[in-house]
Amino acid sequence: MAAATVEEIRANAYVGFDTITQQIEHKLLKRGFQFNVIVVGQTGLGKSTLINTIFASHLIDSKGRKEADEPVRQTTEIHPVSHVITENGVRLRLNIVDTPGYGDQINNENCWDPIVKYIKDQHSAYLRKELTAMRDRHIQDTRIHCCLFFINPTGHSLRPIDIIVMKKLSEVVNVVPVIAKADSLTLEERDAFKQKIRAELQYHNIRLYPFDTDENDEEEIELNESIRNMIPFAVVGSERNVIIDGKAVRGRKNRWGVVNVEDEKHCEFVYLRNFLTRTHLQDLIETTAQIHYEAFRSKQLLALKEQTNPRNAQ
């Protein structure tokens, strides 16, 4: 039965309920916001540096060697790091989860399992708190909202293991692929590499974020389509300032010149940052709750129901 159409009425005098958006904003600003990111990729692709560049803060120490005789430093276990960043009165509690470089071993069989398990464990922890009789008013959310998947800038194609890992991850989290250290490719090589990757993703039916929903308006659909046409983002990260025309900018200097991280002609870092923080931050959080967590929750509750209600004897 279709829902009855409700007539829209304009109030004859000012009532004041239009201030509800200000009331919501006030409460949210007091509480702050939570955003959880997991970074996945081979060792040495600059995962820590890019995270620090995106949020304009030193959040994770780089594993890169500072001296030639230093041993290679690697992330050996999944390690979450939390920070609170403040910007114009808005507090963002940022949880960054660094993962071991997958695919670095001789035997890489099921090397993605610990990462997938960690993501599912956060869903499980949230579900347990949600089902508690005396649950907290605001449940601490450690569910992963975004997975930055780092691709080696080979210029050829994705490794078979990259395809497997991305497919596994896309089933449980919002995956955003990035081509790391993109300044190692020419613009022509970069464009050709991006086209190859998009073709491979489509061929293997790997569904990446962002997703369109019935709630999206025409402008949001167009924005999502433009992002899908750009993915994977070809990026360069740098925490160092270099001088260009007397102005300090974040960039990398080499014998051929300077790569300005925030110059759209040099790389797509600005597009990635704007996508993650300025246009899709809230949608990443909502998609995690409404799609990935909801799928996990439904599966767990159905399994629980089967355990508590054994089938009738034949």
Protein backbone atom coordinates (compact mmCIF):
# COMPACT_ATOMS: atom_id res chain seq x y z
CA MET A 1 0.00 0.00 0.00
CA ALA A 2 1.50 3.31 -1.10
CA ALA A 3 2.08 5.99 1.53
CA ALA A 4 -0.42 8.85 1.45
CA THR A 5 0.86 12.12 0.03
CA VAL A 6 1.25 14.75 2.73
CA GLU A 7 0.38 18.31 1.79
CA GLU A 8 3.12 20.85 2.43
CA ILE A 9 1.88 23.90 4.36
CA ARG A 10 3.68 27.20 4.81
CA ALA A 11 3.39 28.62 8.35
CA ASN A 12 1.46 31.90 8.61
CA ALA A 13 3.93 33.32 11.14
CA TYR A 14 7.50 32.59 12.19
CA VAL A 15 7.64 29.51 14.44
CA GLY A 16 11.39 28.95 14.74
CA PHE A 17 11.88 25.27 13.92
CA ASP A 18 14.18 26.29 11.06
CA THR A 19 16.86 26.72 13.74
CA ILE A 20 17.00 22.95 14.19
CA THR A 21 20.02 22.83 11.88
CA GLN A 22 21.85 25.26 14.19
CA GLN A 23 20.84 23.15 17.20
CA ILE A 24 22.19 20.01 15.55
CA GLU A 25 25.40 21.81 14.58
CA HIS A 26 25.87 23.05 18.17
CA LYS A 27 25.49 19.53 19.61
CA LEU A 28 27.77 17.98 17.01
CA LEU A 29 30.45 20.62 17.54
CA LYS A 30 30.44 19.90 21.27
CA ARG A 31 30.70 16.15 20.69
CA GLY A 32 33.22 16.32 17.84
CA PHE A 33 33.56 13.95 14.93
CA GLN A 34 35.25 10.59 14.44
CA PHE A 35 36.96 9.44 11.24
CA ASN A 36 38.81 6.14 10.91
CA VAL A 37 41.21 5.44 8.03
CA ILE A 38 43.18 2.28 7.27
CA VAL A 39 46.16 2.40 4.89
CA VAL A 40 47.04 -0.68 2.85
CA GLY A 41 49.89 -1.26 0.42
CA GLN A 42 53.41 -2.51 -0.13
CA THR A 43 56.24 -1.31 2.09
CA GLY A 44 57.98 1.85 0.85
CA LEU A 45 55.10 3.52 -1.01
CA GLY A 46 54.91 6.55 1.29
CA LYS A 47 51.70 5.65 3.14
CA SER A 48 52.63 7.55 6.30
CA THR A 49 53.84 10.60 4.38
CA LEU A 50 50.63 10.87 2.36
CA ILE A 51 48.43 10.68 5.47
CA ASN A 52 50.49 13.45 7.09
CA THR A 53 50.20 15.52 3.90
CA ILE A 54 46.41 15.11 3.61
CA PHE A 55 45.75 16.31 7.17
CA ALA A 56 48.58 18.90 7.20
CA SER A 57 49.86 17.44 10.48
CA HIS A 58 52.59 15.04 11.54
CA LEU A 59 50.44 12.08 12.58
CA ILE A 60 52.52 9.00 11.70
CA ASP A 61 56.28 8.57 11.66
CA SER A 62 57.63 7.55 8.28
CA LYS A 63 59.28 4.14 8.03
CA GLY A 64 61.72 5.45 5.44
CA ARG A 65 65.45 5.25 6.16
CA LYS A 66 67.17 8.52 7.01
CA GLU A 67 70.69 7.13 6.48
CA ALA A 68 72.02 4.68 3.87
CA ASP A 69 73.32 2.24 6.49
CA GLU A 70 70.03 2.14 8.43
CA PRO A 71 68.10 -1.14 8.32
CA VAL A 72 64.76 -1.08 6.50
CA ARG A 73 61.99 -0.26 8.98
CA GLN A 74 58.65 -1.91 8.39
CA THR A 75 55.22 -1.97 10.02
CA THR A 76 55.12 -5.52 11.37
CA GLU A 77 51.62 -5.50 12.86
CA ILE A 78 48.36 -3.62 12.52
CA HIS A 79 48.80 -0.46 14.56
CA PRO A 80 46.12 2.20 15.20
CA VAL A 81 47.17 5.76 16.08
CA SER A 82 44.69 8.36 17.36
CA HIS A 83 44.89 12.14 17.21
CA VAL A 84 42.48 15.03 17.73
CA ILE A 85 42.81 17.73 15.06
CA THR A 86 41.09 21.11 15.48
CA GLU A 87 40.14 23.42 12.62
CA ASN A 88 37.95 26.53 13.03
CA GLY A 89 36.33 25.18 16.19
CA VAL A 90 35.64 21.72 14.71
CA ARG A 91 37.29 18.80 16.51
CA LEU A 92 38.06 15.71 14.44
CA ARG A 93 39.19 12.58 16.27
CA LEU A 94 41.25 10.87 13.60
CA ASN A 95 42.07 7.19 13.97
CA ILE A 96 44.74 6.02 11.50
CA VAL A 97 45.39 2.31 11.18
CA ASP A 98 48.74 1.39 9.65
CA THR A 99 49.03 -2.14 8.28
CA PRO A 100 52.00 -4.37 7.46
CA GLY A 101 53.11 -4.09 3.85
CA TYR A 102 51.20 -6.94 2.25
CA GLY A 103 52.74 -8.96 -0.55
CA ASP A 104 56.28 -8.40 0.79
CA GLN A 105 56.86 -12.03 1.73
CA ILE A 106 57.92 -14.98 -0.43
CA ASN A 107 54.68 -16.77 0.44
CA ASN A 108 51.82 -14.25 0.29
CA GLU A 109 48.98 -16.74 0.57
CA ASN A 110 46.07 -15.19 2.48
CA CYS A 111 48.25 -12.18 3.45
CA TRP A 112 45.09 -10.04 3.39
CA ASP A 113 43.35 -12.03 6.13
CA PRO A 114 44.70 -10.00 9.10
CA ILE A 115 43.52 -6.73 7.48
CA VAL A 116 40.02 -8.05 6.70
CA LYS A 117 39.82 -9.59 10.18
CA TYR A 118 40.75 -6.26 11.80
CA ILE A 119 37.99 -4.44 9.89
CA LYS A 120 35.42 -7.09 10.81
CA ASP A 121 36.59 -7.04 14.45
CA GLN A 122 35.69 -3.32 14.63
CA HIS A 123 32.19 -4.11 13.33
CA SER A 124 31.90 -6.91 15.87
CA ALA A 125 32.99 -4.67 18.75
CA TYR A 126 30.43 -2.02 17.75
CA LEU A 127 27.68 -4.65 17.47
CA ARG A 128 28.44 -6.01 20.95
CA LYS A 129 28.19 -2.53 22.45
CA GLU A 130 25.00 -1.87 20.48
CA LEU A 131 23.34 -5.04 21.80
CA THR A 132 24.31 -4.41 25.44
CA ALA A 133 21.29 -3.84 27.71
CA MET A 134 22.87 -0.78 29.37
CA ARG A 135 24.66 0.59 26.32
CA ASP A 136 26.50 3.89 26.22
CA ARG A 137 24.62 6.93 24.99
CA HIS A 138 27.30 7.50 22.35
CA ILE A 139 29.10 4.32 21.31
CA GLN A 140 32.75 4.88 20.49
CA ASP A 141 33.03 4.20 16.77
CA THR A 142 36.18 2.37 15.65
CA ARG A 143 34.60 1.05 12.44
CA ILE A 144 36.84 1.76 9.45
CA HIS A 145 35.31 4.47 7.26
CA CYS A 146 37.90 4.52 4.49
CA CYS A 147 40.66 2.27 3.16
CA LEU A 148 43.38 4.05 1.20
CA PHE A 149 44.80 1.37 -1.09
CA PHE A 150 48.30 2.24 -2.35
CA ILE A 151 49.31 1.06 -5.83
CA ASN A 152 52.94 0.78 -6.91
CA PRO A 153 53.62 3.21 -9.82
CA THR A 154 54.94 0.54 -12.19
CA GLY A 155 53.10 1.90 -15.22
CA HIS A 156 52.21 -1.65 -16.28
CA SER A 157 49.21 -3.24 -14.57
CA LEU A 158 47.98 -4.37 -11.18
CA ARG A 159 49.62 -7.41 -9.63
CA PRO A 160 47.30 -10.42 -9.25
CA ILE A 161 47.61 -10.05 -5.48
CA ASP A 162 46.48 -6.39 -5.72
CA ILE A 163 43.30 -7.49 -7.49
CA ILE A 164 42.58 -10.19 -4.90
CA VAL A 165 43.19 -7.87 -1.94
CA MET A 166 41.11 -5.02 -3.39
CA LYS A 167 38.24 -7.40 -4.11
CA LYS A 168 38.34 -8.80 -0.56
CA LEU A 169 38.54 -5.33 1.00
CA SER A 170 35.78 -3.83 -1.15
CA GLU A 171 33.35 -6.33 0.41
CA VAL A 172 33.86 -4.92 3.92
CA VAL A 173 35.07 -1.30 3.61
CA ASN A 174 35.05 1.80 1.37
CA VAL A 175 38.16 1.36 -0.80
CA VAL A 176 39.85 4.40 -2.37
CA PRO A 177 42.82 3.42 -4.59
CA VAL A 178 45.75 5.79 -5.05
CA ILE A 179 48.85 5.57 -7.25
CA ALA A 180 51.68 6.35 -4.85
CA LYS A 181 54.75 8.44 -5.78
CA ALA A 182 53.12 9.40 -9.07
CA ASP A 183 55.95 11.81 -9.88
CA SER A 184 57.93 8.75 -11.03
CA LEU A 185 55.61 8.58 -14.08
CA THR A 186 55.30 11.02 -16.97
CA LEU A 187 51.84 12.50 -17.50
CA GLU A 188 51.31 10.21 -20.51
CA GLU A 189 52.44 7.13 -18.55
CA ARG A 190 50.22 8.16 -15.63
CA ASP A 191 47.09 8.51 -17.79
CA ALA A 192 47.73 5.19 -19.54
CA PHE A 193 48.33 3.46 -16.19
CA LYS A 194 45.09 4.87 -14.73
CA GLN A 195 43.12 3.63 -17.75
CA LYS A 196 44.64 0.14 -17.40
CA ILE A 197 43.73 0.02 -13.71
CA ARG A 198 40.15 1.17 -14.31
CA ALA A 199 39.76 -1.48 -17.04
CA GLU A 200 41.09 -4.18 -14.70
CA LEU A 201 38.79 -3.10 -11.88
CA GLN A 202 35.81 -3.25 -14.21
CA TYR A 203 36.86 -6.62 -15.67
CA HIS A 204 37.17 -8.17 -12.20
CA ASN A 205 33.93 -6.55 -11.04
CA ILE A 206 35.56 -4.71 -8.13
CA ARG A 207 33.05 -2.16 -6.82
CA LEU A 208 34.81 0.81 -5.27
CA TYR A 209 33.55 3.85 -3.38
CA PRO A 210 31.71 6.20 -4.04
CA PHE A 211 28.32 4.51 -4.47
CA ASP A 212 25.21 6.19 -5.84
CA THR A 213 21.97 5.90 -3.84
CA ASP A 214 18.35 6.96 -4.35
CA GLU A 215 18.99 9.88 -1.97
CA ASN A 216 21.63 11.45 -4.23
CA ASP A 217 20.57 14.53 -6.19
CA GLU A 218 21.77 15.29 -9.72
CA GLU A 219 24.74 17.33 -8.51
CA GLU A 220 25.95 14.52 -6.20
CA ILE A 221 25.58 11.94 -8.96
CA GLU A 222 27.66 14.09 -11.31
CA LEU A 223 30.32 14.60 -8.63
CA ASN A 224 30.50 10.85 -7.94
CA GLU A 225 30.82 10.13 -11.65
CA SER A 226 33.68 12.62 -12.01
CA ILE A 227 35.47 10.94 -9.08
CA ARG A 228 35.00 7.46 -10.56
CA ASN A 229 36.49 8.76 -13.82
CA MET A 230 39.54 10.02 -11.90
CA ILE A 231 40.15 6.97 -9.69
CA PRO A 232 42.81 5.88 -8.94
CA PHE A 233 44.14 9.22 -7.71
CA ALA A 234 47.74 9.76 -8.83
CA VAL A 235 49.32 11.47 -5.83
CA VAL A 236 52.56 12.75 -4.36
CA GLY A 237 53.04 13.31 -0.64
CA SER A 238 55.49 15.64 1.09
CA GLU A 239 55.78 17.23 4.51
CA ARG A 240 58.61 19.51 3.40
CA ASN A 241 58.26 23.05 2.15
CA VAL A 242 60.08 24.20 -0.96
CA ILE A 243 60.26 27.73 -2.35
CA ILE A 244 58.52 28.45 -5.66
CA ASP A 245 58.48 32.08 -6.86
CA GLY A 246 59.29 33.24 -3.34
CA LYS A 247 56.41 31.26 -1.81
CA ALA A 248 56.75 28.22 0.46
CA VAL A 249 54.73 25.23 -0.79
CA ARG A 250 54.69 21.56 0.11
CA GLY A 251 56.62 19.73 -2.54
CA ARG A 252 59.53 17.57 -3.67
CA LYS A 253 62.64 19.01 -5.27
CA ASN A 254 64.80 17.02 -7.67
CA ARG A 255 67.39 17.72 -10.35
CA TRP A 256 64.69 18.48 -12.94
CA GLY A 257 62.69 20.91 -10.86
CA VAL A 258 60.04 20.99 -8.14
CA VAL A 259 56.88 18.91 -7.80
CA ASN A 260 54.29 21.07 -6.07
CA VAL A 261 52.02 18.69 -4.18
CA GLU A 262 49.09 21.12 -4.31
CA ASP A 263 49.43 22.00 -7.99
CA GLU A 264 46.71 20.16 -9.96
CA LYS A 265 49.00 20.15 -13.02
CA HIS A 266 51.63 18.15 -11.10
CA CYS A 267 49.49 15.52 -9.34
CA GLU A 268 45.98 14.78 -8.11
CA PHE A 269 46.63 15.24 -4.40
CA VAL A 270 44.24 18.22 -4.13
CA TYR A 271 41.42 16.17 -5.67
CA LEU A 272 42.03 13.33 -3.20
CA ARG A 273 42.18 15.67 -0.20
CA ASN A 274 39.02 17.51 -1.20
CA PHE A 275 37.25 14.22 -1.85
CA LEU A 276 38.18 12.78 1.56
CA THR A 277 37.65 15.90 3.67
CA ARG A 278 35.55 18.53 1.88
CA THR A 279 32.91 16.63 -0.11
CA HIS A 280 32.65 12.98 1.06
CA LEU A 281 33.79 12.82 4.68
CA GLN A 282 30.26 12.47 6.07
CA ASP A 283 29.19 10.16 3.27
CA LEU A 284 32.13 7.82 3.98
CA ILE A 285 30.97 7.59 7.60
CA GLU A 286 27.31 7.05 6.65
CA THR A 287 28.12 4.49 3.95
CA THR A 288 30.15 2.49 6.46
CA ALA A 289 27.18 2.39 8.85
CA GLN A 290 24.41 1.88 6.30
CA ILE A 291 26.07 -0.56 3.88
CA HIS A 292 29.15 -2.34 5.25
CA TYR A 293 28.20 -2.48 8.93
CA GLU A 294 24.54 -3.21 8.18
CA ALA A 295 25.52 -6.18 6.00
CA PHE A 296 27.77 -7.49 8.79
CA ARG A 297 25.10 -6.88 11.44
CA SER A 298 22.36 -8.65 9.48
CA LYS A 299 24.56 -11.67 8.88
CA GLN A 300 25.55 -11.92 12.56
CA LEU A 301 21.99 -11.54 13.87
CA LEU A 302 20.65 -14.13 11.43
CA ALA A 303 23.36 -16.56 12.55
CA LEU A 304 22.49 -15.83 16.19
CA LYS A 305 18.81 -16.44 15.49
CA GLU A 306 19.57 -19.84 13.93
CA GLN A 307 21.64 -20.82 16.97
CA THR A 308 18.93 -19.87 19.48
CA ASN A 309 16.04 -21.34 17.45
CA PRO A 310 17.04 -24.86 16.36
CA ARG A 311 15.07 -26.30 13.48
CA ASN A 312 12.00 -28.31 14.26
CA ALA A 313 12.49 -32.04 14.18
CA GLN A 314 11.55 -33.55 10.88
